[in-house]
């Protein structure tokens, strides 16, 4: 019994050290970029305008010439008009990372209205978008510098996006 008690603190210390080393592993730029995409979608579903705005670079612009302030007005208007926003991130392709810049393409399914569970149950009708995004890294944080988006049909989704979509809705 005394031997067991003497080994327990050593084993605990070893596991604690391993956990510490694993948890302190620095995230790669790829990890940080994927986290950013995930954060933006979560902010949008929560209608967290301030959260979304923190992800945009100060010199942000979109394909229609909107800057950061105009984009804030556009998003706020969208939030007022639509209830129950749901975003399904389908896939994200990282085209290049050349720090401090990167470019990605991401596809998402967007819907609004009835409860998420109901939409999933009835295989809701949704819109699919492909976003081309330019990112800039400042102070170890990736931000959206430029964005373009366009509607795509279900048939035009990338194969990996279609696969994710089918898994979400249990489509064979």
Protein backbone atom coordinates (compact mmCIF):
# COMPACT_ATOMS: atom_id res chain seq x y z
CA UNK A 1 0.00 0.00 0.00
CA UNK A 2 2.81 2.41 0.76
CA UNK A 3 4.31 1.71 -2.66
CA UNK A 4 1.00 2.64 -4.33
CA UNK A 5 0.86 5.93 -2.45
CA UNK A 6 4.42 6.78 -3.40
CA UNK A 7 3.79 6.10 -7.13
CA UNK A 8 0.47 8.00 -7.31
CA UNK A 9 1.97 11.50 -6.99
CA UNK A 10 4.58 10.65 -9.65
CA UNK A 11 1.94 9.34 -12.04
CA UNK A 12 -0.24 12.38 -11.38
CA UNK A 13 2.75 14.66 -12.05
CA UNK A 14 3.55 12.88 -15.33
CA UNK A 15 -0.05 13.10 -16.56
CA UNK A 16 -0.22 16.74 -15.51
CA UNK A 17 2.97 17.51 -17.42
CA UNK A 18 1.69 15.73 -20.54
CA UNK A 19 -1.64 17.58 -20.34
CA UNK A 20 0.19 20.90 -19.87
CA UNK A 21 2.45 20.30 -22.88
CA UNK A 22 -0.45 19.25 -25.11
CA UNK A 23 -2.66 22.17 -24.06
CA UNK A 24 0.14 24.69 -24.57
CA UNK A 25 0.74 23.65 -28.16
CA UNK A 26 0.48 26.75 -30.27
CA UNK A 27 -2.21 26.76 -32.93
CA UNK A 28 -1.09 26.92 -36.53
CA UNK A 29 -2.24 29.62 -38.92
CA UNK A 30 -4.50 27.02 -40.52
CA UNK A 31 -6.11 26.30 -37.13
CA UNK A 32 -6.57 30.01 -36.43
CA UNK A 33 -8.15 30.61 -39.84
CA UNK A 34 -10.61 27.73 -39.43
CA UNK A 35 -11.45 29.05 -35.94
CA UNK A 36 -12.14 32.48 -37.45
CA UNK A 37 -14.57 31.02 -40.00
CA UNK A 38 -16.31 29.08 -37.24
CA UNK A 39 -16.47 32.17 -34.99
CA UNK A 40 -18.06 34.31 -37.72
CA UNK A 41 -20.81 31.75 -38.30
CA UNK A 42 -21.50 31.46 -34.56
CA UNK A 43 -21.65 35.25 -34.21
CA UNK A 44 -24.10 35.43 -37.12
CA UNK A 45 -26.39 32.75 -35.67
CA UNK A 46 -26.42 34.63 -32.33
CA UNK A 47 -26.96 37.92 -34.18
CA UNK A 48 -23.83 39.20 -32.46
CA UNK A 49 -23.07 42.20 -34.63
CA UNK A 50 -20.23 43.38 -32.37
CA UNK A 51 -18.63 39.94 -32.56
CA UNK A 52 -18.77 39.93 -36.35
CA UNK A 53 -17.31 43.40 -36.54
CA UNK A 54 -14.28 42.33 -34.46
CA UNK A 55 -13.39 39.85 -37.22
CA UNK A 56 -13.16 42.54 -39.91
CA UNK A 57 -9.92 44.41 -40.61
CA UNK A 58 -10.07 48.20 -40.32
CA UNK A 59 -9.64 48.52 -44.11
CA UNK A 60 -12.21 45.79 -44.90
CA UNK A 61 -14.08 45.99 -48.19
CA UNK A 62 -16.44 43.74 -50.09
CA UNK A 63 -17.09 43.16 -53.78
CA UNK A 64 -19.70 45.93 -53.89
CA UNK A 65 -17.39 48.55 -52.40
CA UNK A 66 -18.82 48.47 -48.89
CA UNK A 67 -16.36 49.33 -46.15
CA UNK A 68 -16.56 48.28 -42.54
CA UNK A 69 -19.24 50.82 -41.53
CA UNK A 70 -21.50 50.08 -44.51
CA UNK A 71 -21.12 46.36 -43.86
CA UNK A 72 -22.18 46.89 -40.26
CA UNK A 73 -25.38 48.62 -41.48
CA UNK A 74 -26.05 45.82 -44.00
CA UNK A 75 -25.62 43.07 -41.40
CA UNK A 76 -27.73 44.91 -38.84
CA UNK A 77 -30.51 45.31 -41.40
CA UNK A 78 -30.32 41.59 -42.22
CA UNK A 79 -30.60 40.71 -38.52
CA UNK A 80 -33.69 42.91 -38.19
CA UNK A 81 -35.41 41.32 -41.20
CA UNK A 82 -34.68 37.65 -40.52
CA UNK A 83 -35.44 35.51 -37.49
CA UNK A 84 -33.78 32.26 -36.52
CA UNK A 85 -30.70 32.47 -38.70
CA UNK A 86 -28.98 29.11 -39.15
CA UNK A 87 -25.63 28.66 -40.86
CA UNK A 88 -24.22 25.29 -41.76
CA UNK A 89 -20.55 25.59 -42.62
CA UNK A 90 -19.94 23.08 -45.35
CA UNK A 91 -16.29 23.28 -46.31
CA UNK A 92 -13.39 25.67 -46.20
CA UNK A 93 -10.55 25.53 -48.66
CA UNK A 94 -7.43 27.38 -47.72
CA UNK A 95 -5.99 28.49 -51.04
CA UNK A 96 -2.81 29.97 -49.63
CA UNK A 97 -1.25 31.18 -46.45
CA UNK A 98 1.58 33.59 -47.02
CA UNK A 99 1.70 35.31 -43.65
CA UNK A 100 0.60 38.01 -43.07
CA UNK A 101 -1.93 37.28 -45.82
CA UNK A 102 -4.10 34.32 -46.71
CA UNK A 103 -6.94 33.52 -49.08
CA UNK A 104 -9.71 31.01 -48.51
CA UNK A 105 -12.94 29.80 -50.04
CA UNK A 106 -15.73 28.63 -47.83
CA UNK A 107 -19.19 27.31 -48.61
CA UNK A 108 -22.17 27.62 -46.33
CA UNK A 109 -25.86 26.81 -46.30
CA UNK A 110 -27.99 29.63 -44.88
CA UNK A 111 -31.59 29.66 -43.79
CA UNK A 112 -33.85 31.62 -41.51
CA UNK A 113 -37.32 31.31 -40.09
CA UNK A 114 -38.68 28.33 -38.17
CA UNK A 115 -36.73 26.49 -35.51
CA UNK A 116 -33.55 24.68 -36.51
CA UNK A 117 -34.94 21.30 -35.49
CA UNK A 118 -38.03 21.75 -37.68
CA UNK A 119 -35.94 22.78 -40.71
CA UNK A 120 -33.71 19.75 -40.28
CA UNK A 121 -36.71 17.47 -39.95
CA UNK A 122 -38.29 18.64 -43.20
CA UNK A 123 -35.01 18.94 -45.12
CA UNK A 124 -35.58 22.67 -45.37
CA UNK A 125 -35.05 24.76 -48.43
CA UNK A 126 -31.95 26.86 -48.06
CA UNK A 127 -29.54 28.98 -50.01
CA UNK A 128 -25.94 28.01 -50.63
CA UNK A 129 -23.13 30.52 -50.85
CA UNK A 130 -19.48 30.39 -51.82
CA UNK A 131 -17.35 33.05 -50.20
CA UNK A 132 -13.90 34.08 -51.38
CA UNK A 133 -12.11 35.75 -48.51
CA UNK A 134 -8.78 37.53 -48.21
CA UNK A 135 -7.36 37.59 -44.71
CA UNK A 136 -4.70 39.66 -43.01
CA UNK A 137 -2.83 38.77 -39.84
CA UNK A 138 -2.04 41.53 -37.40
CA UNK A 139 -0.91 41.06 -33.81
CA UNK A 140 -1.22 37.26 -34.16
CA UNK A 141 -4.91 37.57 -35.12
CA UNK A 142 -6.42 36.80 -38.52
CA UNK A 143 -9.04 39.26 -39.76
CA UNK A 144 -11.17 39.48 -42.89
CA UNK A 145 -9.74 42.09 -45.24
CA UNK A 146 -11.87 41.48 -48.31
CA UNK A 147 -14.85 39.30 -49.15
CA UNK A 148 -16.89 38.33 -52.16
CA UNK A 149 -19.79 35.92 -52.14
CA UNK A 150 -22.22 34.47 -54.57
CA UNK A 151 -25.15 32.13 -54.57
CA UNK A 152 -24.43 28.61 -55.84
CA UNK A 153 -26.82 25.77 -56.51
CA UNK A 154 -26.73 22.51 -54.58
CA UNK A 155 -25.24 20.88 -57.68
CA UNK A 156 -22.45 23.49 -57.84
CA UNK A 157 -21.18 22.88 -54.30
CA UNK A 158 -17.71 21.44 -53.93
CA UNK A 159 -17.79 17.64 -53.51
CA UNK A 160 -16.64 17.90 -49.90
CA UNK A 161 -19.39 20.45 -49.17
CA UNK A 162 -22.03 18.22 -50.69
CA UNK A 163 -20.76 15.32 -48.61
CA UNK A 164 -20.99 17.40 -45.41
CA UNK A 165 -24.47 18.60 -46.39
CA UNK A 166 -25.62 15.01 -46.94
CA UNK A 167 -24.26 13.98 -43.53
CA UNK A 168 -26.02 16.88 -41.79
CA UNK A 169 -29.36 15.88 -43.25
CA UNK A 170 -28.80 12.12 -43.37
CA UNK A 171 -29.25 11.99 -47.14
CA UNK A 172 -28.04 8.83 -48.85
